Amino acid sequence: MLIAIVGPCGSGKTVLADGLQQHDYNARQIAQEHSFVQDMWQVLTKPDILIYLDASYETCTTRKRFNWRQDEYERQLQRLSNARKHCDIYLQTDDLSPEQVLREILVHIQGISS
């Protein structure tokens, strides 16, 4: 099973992909937020499960120590709109630790796979 993870920069994609791989899942983060091709996530992976991690502008800039503007963040959300529309799992990560995100996603994946 191939799992693709998308979301704005700082939403937790890399940490989640690493955690899923440690649980023997074939997980890959997709930098859809930087692509002008709306379905790049699908072109690159054709995933069995698409996960959309979301986080607010404030959370993303704090986590990554980005010096970017609100309009740059909103452009990422626009580029991610197709993936968000088609995701199998959506999770808002603002108030979650990386461990909590992983636990939540594992529960959702197990629900989908059974």
Protein backbone atom coordinates (compact mmCIF):
# COMPACT_ATOMS: atom_id res chain seq x y z
CA MET A 1 0.00 0.00 0.00
CA LEU A 2 1.38 3.40 -1.01
CA ILE A 3 0.59 6.39 1.20
CA ALA A 4 1.13 9.96 -0.03
CA ILE A 5 1.22 12.89 2.38
CA VAL A 6 0.54 16.48 1.37
CA GLY A 7 0.06 19.75 3.22
CA PRO A 8 1.54 23.19 3.62
CA CYS A 9 5.18 23.60 4.66
CA GLY A 10 5.39 23.03 8.38
CA SER A 11 2.28 20.87 8.70
CA GLY A 12 4.28 17.74 9.66
CA LYS A 13 4.64 15.79 6.42
CA THR A 14 8.27 14.73 6.85
CA VAL A 15 7.88 13.67 10.47
CA LEU A 16 4.73 11.70 9.65
CA ALA A 17 6.33 9.96 6.66
CA ASP A 18 9.28 8.94 8.84
CA GLY A 19 6.94 7.65 11.56
CA LEU A 20 4.83 5.65 9.11
CA GLN A 21 7.95 4.14 7.57
CA GLN A 22 9.05 3.02 11.04
CA HIS A 23 5.71 1.15 11.20
CA ASP A 24 6.53 -0.54 7.86
CA TYR A 25 4.23 1.61 5.72
CA ASN A 26 5.34 2.77 2.29
CA ALA A 27 4.78 6.49 2.92
CA ARG A 28 6.01 9.41 0.87
CA GLN A 29 5.63 13.14 1.31
CA ILE A 30 4.69 15.04 -1.83
CA ALA A 31 5.65 18.71 -2.20
CA GLN A 32 2.31 19.52 -3.84
CA GLU A 33 2.33 22.94 -2.16
CA HIS A 34 5.15 23.98 -4.53
CA SER A 35 3.66 22.60 -7.74
CA PHE A 36 1.47 24.44 -10.21
CA VAL A 37 0.23 21.04 -11.46
CA GLN A 38 -2.94 20.60 -9.39
CA ASP A 39 -2.79 16.80 -9.31
CA MET A 40 0.99 16.37 -9.02
CA TRP A 41 0.37 14.16 -5.97
CA GLN A 42 -1.43 11.72 -8.24
CA VAL A 43 0.99 12.02 -11.16
CA LEU A 44 3.97 11.23 -8.92
CA THR A 45 2.53 8.45 -6.79
CA LYS A 46 -0.97 7.20 -7.60
CA PRO A 47 -1.37 6.51 -3.86
CA ASP A 48 -3.73 4.04 -2.27
CA ILE A 49 -4.23 6.53 0.56
CA LEU A 50 -3.82 10.31 0.35
CA ILE A 51 -3.27 12.11 3.66
CA TYR A 52 -3.71 15.87 3.93
CA LEU A 53 -2.05 17.44 6.96
CA ASP A 54 -3.20 20.97 7.63
CA ALA A 55 -1.82 23.68 9.89
CA SER A 56 -2.48 27.38 10.27
CA TYR A 57 -0.18 30.09 8.97
CA GLU A 58 0.92 30.86 12.54
CA THR A 59 1.72 27.22 13.32
CA CYS A 60 3.62 26.65 10.08
CA THR A 61 5.76 29.75 10.47
CA THR A 62 6.51 28.91 14.12
CA ARG A 63 7.42 25.27 13.44
CA LYS A 64 9.73 26.03 10.52
CA ARG A 65 10.84 29.52 11.58
CA PHE A 66 9.76 30.75 8.17
CA ASN A 67 9.91 34.39 7.30
CA TRP A 68 7.11 34.31 4.77
CA ARG A 69 3.98 36.31 4.21
CA GLN A 70 0.36 35.27 4.65
CA ASP A 71 -0.21 35.50 0.86
CA GLU A 72 2.62 32.98 0.25
CA TYR A 73 0.96 30.56 2.67
CA GLU A 74 -2.41 31.08 0.98
CA ARG A 75 -0.81 30.34 -2.40
CA GLN A 76 0.30 26.99 -0.98
CA LEU A 77 -3.25 26.25 0.14
CA GLN A 78 -4.50 27.08 -3.34
CA ARG A 79 -1.98 24.68 -4.90
CA LEU A 80 -3.12 22.04 -2.41
CA SER A 81 -6.86 22.47 -3.07
CA ASN A 82 -7.13 19.49 -5.44
CA ALA A 83 -5.35 17.19 -2.98
CA ARG A 84 -7.52 18.39 -0.10
CA LYS A 85 -10.64 17.73 -2.16
CA HIS A 86 -9.50 14.16 -2.91
CA CYS A 87 -7.77 13.16 0.33
CA ASP A 88 -8.76 10.02 2.17
CA ILE A 89 -7.59 11.35 5.54
CA TYR A 90 -7.59 14.99 6.65
CA LEU A 91 -5.96 16.06 9.90
CA GLN A 92 -5.50 19.51 11.43
CA THR A 93 -2.15 19.38 13.24
CA ASP A 94 -2.00 22.76 15.00
CA ASP A 95 -2.61 21.44 18.50
CA LEU A 96 -1.05 17.98 18.08
CA SER A 97 2.44 16.72 18.84
CA PRO A 98 4.19 14.63 16.17
CA GLU A 99 3.41 11.51 18.24
CA GLN A 100 -0.29 12.41 18.41
CA VAL A 101 -0.38 12.99 14.64
CA LEU A 102 1.17 9.58 14.02
CA ARG A 103 -1.28 7.85 16.39
CA GLU A 104 -4.29 9.55 14.78
CA ILE A 105 -3.14 8.66 11.28
CA LEU A 106 -2.40 5.03 12.21
CA VAL A 107 -5.96 4.68 13.54
CA HIS A 108 -7.37 6.12 10.30
CA ILE A 109 -5.18 3.90 8.10
CA GLN A 110 -6.19 0.81 10.02
CA GLY A 111 -9.84 1.79 9.61
CA ILE A 112 -9.41 2.20 5.85
CA SER A 113 -7.45 -1.04 5.45
CA SER A 114 -9.86 -3.27 7.35
